[in-house]
Amino acid sequence: MNQAILFNDDLQWHCASEQLTQSALYSGAIIRCVIHLSYLKSKGFDGDLDENVIHDFCALISFDIEEDAQQAIEDELISDEGVIELN
């Protein structure tokens, strides 16, 4: 588990935009992570666009999500609004 970024348990699937959102704590600040369907597919997702299926898959790749979010922050890809996007 990556201790630099701590994800909250508030993962939400947005069907219309085909993306997930989740908040996290990073260096004392609350940030928002947007996880696009293309990111999930790049990690091997090929299931139904059902919220439970997507949540289960995200649980399986949670370490990848944390590492990639951390890398996005280190690469200064966090917006002024405190949002990182995984594509």
N, C-alpha and C. Protein backbone atom coordinates (compact mmCIF):
# COMPACT_ATOMS: atom_id res chain seq x y z
N MET A 1 0.84 -1.18 0.00
CA MET A 1 0.00 0.00 0.00
C MET A 1 0.88 1.24 0.00
N ASN A 2 0.53 2.18 -0.83
CA ASN A 2 1.26 3.43 -0.95
C ASN A 2 0.78 4.37 0.16
N GLN A 3 1.67 4.79 1.02
CA GLN A 3 1.29 5.66 2.14
C GLN A 3 1.28 7.14 1.77
N ALA A 4 1.80 7.51 0.62
CA ALA A 4 1.84 8.92 0.24
C ALA A 4 0.46 9.41 -0.21
N ILE A 5 -0.34 8.53 -0.72
CA ILE A 5 -1.69 8.87 -1.15
C ILE A 5 -2.64 7.84 -0.56
N LEU A 6 -3.64 8.32 0.15
CA LEU A 6 -4.61 7.44 0.80
C LEU A 6 -5.98 7.66 0.19
N PHE A 7 -6.48 6.64 -0.48
CA PHE A 7 -7.77 6.73 -1.13
C PHE A 7 -8.89 6.49 -0.14
N ASN A 8 -9.94 7.27 -0.28
CA ASN A 8 -11.14 7.09 0.53
C ASN A 8 -11.99 5.99 -0.08
N ASP A 9 -12.94 5.52 0.66
CA ASP A 9 -13.82 4.44 0.21
C ASP A 9 -15.09 5.03 -0.41
N ASP A 10 -14.91 5.89 -1.40
CA ASP A 10 -16.06 6.57 -2.01
C ASP A 10 -16.05 6.48 -3.54
N LEU A 11 -15.58 5.37 -4.05
CA LEU A 11 -15.50 5.15 -5.49
C LEU A 11 -16.91 5.21 -6.10
N GLN A 12 -17.07 6.02 -7.13
CA GLN A 12 -18.37 6.17 -7.78
C GLN A 12 -18.22 6.02 -9.29
N TRP A 13 -19.08 5.20 -9.88
CA TRP A 13 -19.11 5.01 -11.33
C TRP A 13 -20.11 5.98 -11.92
N HIS A 14 -19.68 6.69 -12.99
CA HIS A 14 -20.54 7.63 -13.71
C HIS A 14 -20.75 7.05 -15.11
N CYS A 15 -21.87 6.41 -15.28
CA CYS A 15 -22.16 5.67 -16.52
C CYS A 15 -22.12 6.58 -17.75
N ALA A 16 -22.73 7.74 -17.68
CA ALA A 16 -22.83 8.62 -18.84
C ALA A 16 -21.45 9.02 -19.37
N SER A 17 -20.51 9.30 -18.47
CA SER A 17 -19.18 9.73 -18.89
C SER A 17 -18.17 8.59 -18.90
N GLU A 18 -18.62 7.39 -18.52
CA GLU A 18 -17.76 6.20 -18.47
C GLU A 18 -16.47 6.47 -17.70
N GLN A 19 -16.62 6.97 -16.48
CA GLN A 19 -15.47 7.21 -15.63
C GLN A 19 -15.85 7.03 -14.17
N LEU A 20 -14.84 6.79 -13.38
CA LEU A 20 -15.00 6.67 -11.94
C LEU A 20 -14.40 7.91 -11.29
N THR A 21 -14.91 8.26 -10.13
CA THR A 21 -14.28 9.29 -9.33
C THR A 21 -14.06 8.75 -7.93
N GLN A 22 -13.00 9.22 -7.32
CA GLN A 22 -12.67 8.81 -5.97
C GLN A 22 -11.85 9.91 -5.34
N SER A 23 -12.12 10.19 -4.07
CA SER A 23 -11.33 11.20 -3.39
C SER A 23 -10.17 10.52 -2.67
N ALA A 24 -9.15 11.31 -2.39
CA ALA A 24 -7.97 10.79 -1.72
C ALA A 24 -7.35 11.90 -0.88
N LEU A 25 -6.53 11.49 0.04
CA LEU A 25 -5.78 12.42 0.86
C LEU A 25 -4.32 12.36 0.43
N TYR A 26 -3.77 13.52 0.05
CA TYR A 26 -2.38 13.58 -0.37
C TYR A 26 -1.72 14.77 0.31
N SER A 27 -0.74 14.51 1.11
CA SER A 27 0.00 15.55 1.83
C SER A 27 -0.94 16.51 2.56
N GLY A 28 -1.96 15.96 3.18
CA GLY A 28 -2.90 16.76 3.96
C GLY A 28 -3.99 17.43 3.17
N ALA A 29 -3.98 17.29 1.85
CA ALA A 29 -5.00 17.91 1.01
C ALA A 29 -5.90 16.85 0.41
N ILE A 30 -7.17 17.19 0.27
CA ILE A 30 -8.10 16.28 -0.39
C ILE A 30 -8.02 16.54 -1.88
N ILE A 31 -7.77 15.48 -2.63
CA ILE A 31 -7.73 15.58 -4.09
C ILE A 31 -8.79 14.64 -4.66
N ARG A 32 -9.08 14.80 -5.93
CA ARG A 32 -10.05 13.93 -6.60
C ARG A 32 -9.34 13.23 -7.74
N CYS A 33 -9.58 11.94 -7.83
CA CYS A 33 -9.00 11.13 -8.90
C CYS A 33 -10.11 10.71 -9.85
N VAL A 34 -9.91 10.98 -11.12
CA VAL A 34 -10.84 10.56 -12.16
C VAL A 34 -10.19 9.41 -12.91
N ILE A 35 -10.88 8.29 -12.94
CA ILE A 35 -10.36 7.08 -13.59
C ILE A 35 -11.24 6.79 -14.80
N HIS A 36 -10.67 6.93 -15.97
CA HIS A 36 -11.42 6.75 -17.21
C HIS A 36 -11.52 5.26 -17.58
N LEU A 37 -12.56 4.92 -18.31
CA LEU A 37 -12.75 3.55 -18.76
C LEU A 37 -11.55 3.09 -19.58
N SER A 38 -10.95 3.97 -20.34
CA SER A 38 -9.77 3.60 -21.14
C SER A 38 -8.63 3.13 -20.24
N TYR A 39 -8.49 3.73 -19.06
CA TYR A 39 -7.46 3.30 -18.11
C TYR A 39 -7.77 1.88 -17.63
N LEU A 40 -9.01 1.64 -17.27
CA LEU A 40 -9.40 0.30 -16.81
C LEU A 40 -9.14 -0.74 -17.89
N LYS A 41 -9.48 -0.40 -19.13
CA LYS A 41 -9.24 -1.33 -20.24
C LYS A 41 -7.75 -1.59 -20.44
N SER A 42 -6.94 -0.57 -20.22
CA SER A 42 -5.49 -0.76 -20.37
C SER A 42 -4.94 -1.68 -19.28
N LYS A 43 -5.67 -1.83 -18.21
CA LYS A 43 -5.28 -2.72 -17.11
C LYS A 43 -5.94 -4.09 -17.23
N GLY A 44 -6.68 -4.32 -18.32
CA GLY A 44 -7.25 -5.64 -18.58
C GLY A 44 -8.74 -5.77 -18.37
N PHE A 45 -9.43 -4.68 -18.06
CA PHE A 45 -10.88 -4.76 -17.85
C PHE A 45 -11.58 -5.04 -19.17
N ASP A 46 -12.42 -6.06 -19.16
CA ASP A 46 -13.23 -6.36 -20.35
C ASP A 46 -14.62 -6.81 -19.95
N GLY A 47 -15.05 -6.40 -18.77
CA GLY A 47 -16.35 -6.81 -18.25
C GLY A 47 -17.47 -5.87 -18.63
N ASP A 48 -18.62 -6.17 -18.08
CA ASP A 48 -19.80 -5.33 -18.29
C ASP A 48 -19.61 -4.00 -17.60
N LEU A 49 -20.29 -2.99 -18.10
CA LEU A 49 -20.22 -1.67 -17.49
C LEU A 49 -21.23 -1.58 -16.34
N ASP A 50 -21.18 -2.57 -15.50
CA ASP A 50 -22.02 -2.65 -14.31
C ASP A 50 -21.20 -2.13 -13.13
N GLU A 51 -21.81 -1.30 -12.31
CA GLU A 51 -21.08 -0.67 -11.21
C GLU A 51 -20.41 -1.69 -10.30
N ASN A 52 -21.08 -2.78 -9.98
CA ASN A 52 -20.49 -3.79 -9.10
C ASN A 52 -19.29 -4.48 -9.75
N VAL A 53 -19.39 -4.77 -11.02
CA VAL A 53 -18.29 -5.41 -11.76
C VAL A 53 -17.09 -4.48 -11.79
N ILE A 54 -17.34 -3.21 -12.05
CA ILE A 54 -16.26 -2.22 -12.11
C ILE A 54 -15.62 -2.05 -10.74
N HIS A 55 -16.42 -1.98 -9.70
CA HIS A 55 -15.87 -1.84 -8.35
C HIS A 55 -15.00 -3.04 -7.99
N ASP A 56 -15.46 -4.24 -8.34
CA ASP A 56 -14.68 -5.44 -8.06
C ASP A 56 -13.34 -5.41 -8.80
N PHE A 57 -13.36 -4.97 -10.05
CA PHE A 57 -12.12 -4.89 -10.82
C PHE A 57 -11.17 -3.87 -10.20
N CYS A 58 -11.70 -2.73 -9.79
CA CYS A 58 -10.86 -1.70 -9.16
C CYS A 58 -10.24 -2.21 -7.87
N ALA A 59 -10.96 -3.03 -7.14
CA ALA A 59 -10.39 -3.61 -5.92
C ALA A 59 -9.20 -4.50 -6.27
N LEU A 60 -9.29 -5.21 -7.39
CA LEU A 60 -8.19 -6.07 -7.81
C LEU A 60 -6.94 -5.29 -8.23
N ILE A 61 -7.15 -4.12 -8.79
CA ILE A 61 -6.01 -3.33 -9.28
C ILE A 61 -5.75 -2.10 -8.42
N SER A 62 -6.21 -2.12 -7.18
CA SER A 62 -6.09 -0.93 -6.33
C SER A 62 -4.65 -0.45 -6.17
N PHE A 63 -3.70 -1.38 -6.09
CA PHE A 63 -2.30 -0.97 -5.96
C PHE A 63 -1.82 -0.27 -7.22
N ASP A 64 -2.25 -0.74 -8.39
CA ASP A 64 -1.89 -0.07 -9.64
C ASP A 64 -2.47 1.35 -9.68
N ILE A 65 -3.72 1.47 -9.26
CA ILE A 65 -4.36 2.79 -9.25
C ILE A 65 -3.59 3.74 -8.34
N GLU A 66 -3.24 3.27 -7.15
CA GLU A 66 -2.49 4.10 -6.21
C GLU A 66 -1.13 4.51 -6.78
N GLU A 67 -0.43 3.56 -7.36
CA GLU A 67 0.89 3.86 -7.94
C GLU A 67 0.79 4.83 -9.09
N ASP A 68 -0.18 4.62 -9.97
CA ASP A 68 -0.33 5.50 -11.13
C ASP A 68 -0.79 6.91 -10.70
N ALA A 69 -1.62 6.99 -9.69
CA ALA A 69 -2.03 8.29 -9.16
C ALA A 69 -0.82 9.01 -8.56
N GLN A 70 -0.03 8.28 -7.81
CA GLN A 70 1.18 8.86 -7.21
C GLN A 70 2.13 9.37 -8.31
N GLN A 71 2.28 8.58 -9.37
CA GLN A 71 3.15 8.98 -10.47
C GLN A 71 2.61 10.23 -11.17
N ALA A 72 1.30 10.31 -11.33
CA ALA A 72 0.69 11.51 -11.94
C ALA A 72 0.98 12.75 -11.11
N ILE A 73 0.93 12.60 -9.78
CA ILE A 73 1.23 13.72 -8.90
C ILE A 73 2.69 14.11 -9.03
N GLU A 74 3.58 13.11 -9.02
CA GLU A 74 5.02 13.40 -9.15
C GLU A 74 5.34 14.04 -10.49
N ASP A 75 4.58 13.68 -11.53
CA ASP A 75 4.77 14.26 -12.86
C ASP A 75 4.06 15.61 -12.99
N GLU A 76 3.52 16.10 -11.88
CA GLU A 76 2.83 17.39 -11.81
C GLU A 76 1.63 17.45 -12.76
N LEU A 77 0.89 16.35 -12.83
CA LEU A 77 -0.30 16.29 -13.66
C LEU A 77 -1.57 16.56 -12.87
N ILE A 78 -1.41 17.10 -11.68
CA ILE A 78 -2.56 17.46 -10.85
C ILE A 78 -3.00 18.86 -11.24
N SER A 79 -4.31 19.04 -11.44
CA SER A 79 -4.80 20.35 -11.87
C SER A 79 -4.81 21.32 -10.70
N ASP A 80 -5.03 22.58 -11.01
CA ASP A 80 -5.13 23.61 -9.98
C ASP A 80 -6.31 23.35 -9.04
N GLU A 81 -7.29 22.60 -9.53
CA GLU A 81 -8.46 22.26 -8.73
C GLU A 81 -8.25 21.01 -7.88
N GLY A 82 -7.05 20.41 -7.97
CA GLY A 82 -6.75 19.23 -7.18
C GLY A 82 -7.29 17.95 -7.77
N VAL A 83 -7.27 17.84 -9.09
CA VAL A 83 -7.79 16.66 -9.78
C VAL A 83 -6.67 16.00 -10.57
N ILE A 84 -6.59 14.67 -10.45
CA ILE A 84 -5.70 13.91 -11.32
C ILE A 84 -6.57 12.98 -12.15
N GLU A 85 -6.13 12.74 -13.37
CA GLU A 85 -6.88 11.87 -14.26
C GLU A 85 -6.01 10.72 -14.71
N LEU A 86 -6.58 9.53 -14.63
CA LEU A 86 -5.91 8.33 -15.13
C LEU A 86 -6.63 7.92 -16.40
N ASN A 87 -5.90 8.00 -17.51
CA ASN A 87 -6.48 7.70 -18.83
C ASN A 87 -5.96 6.39 -19.36
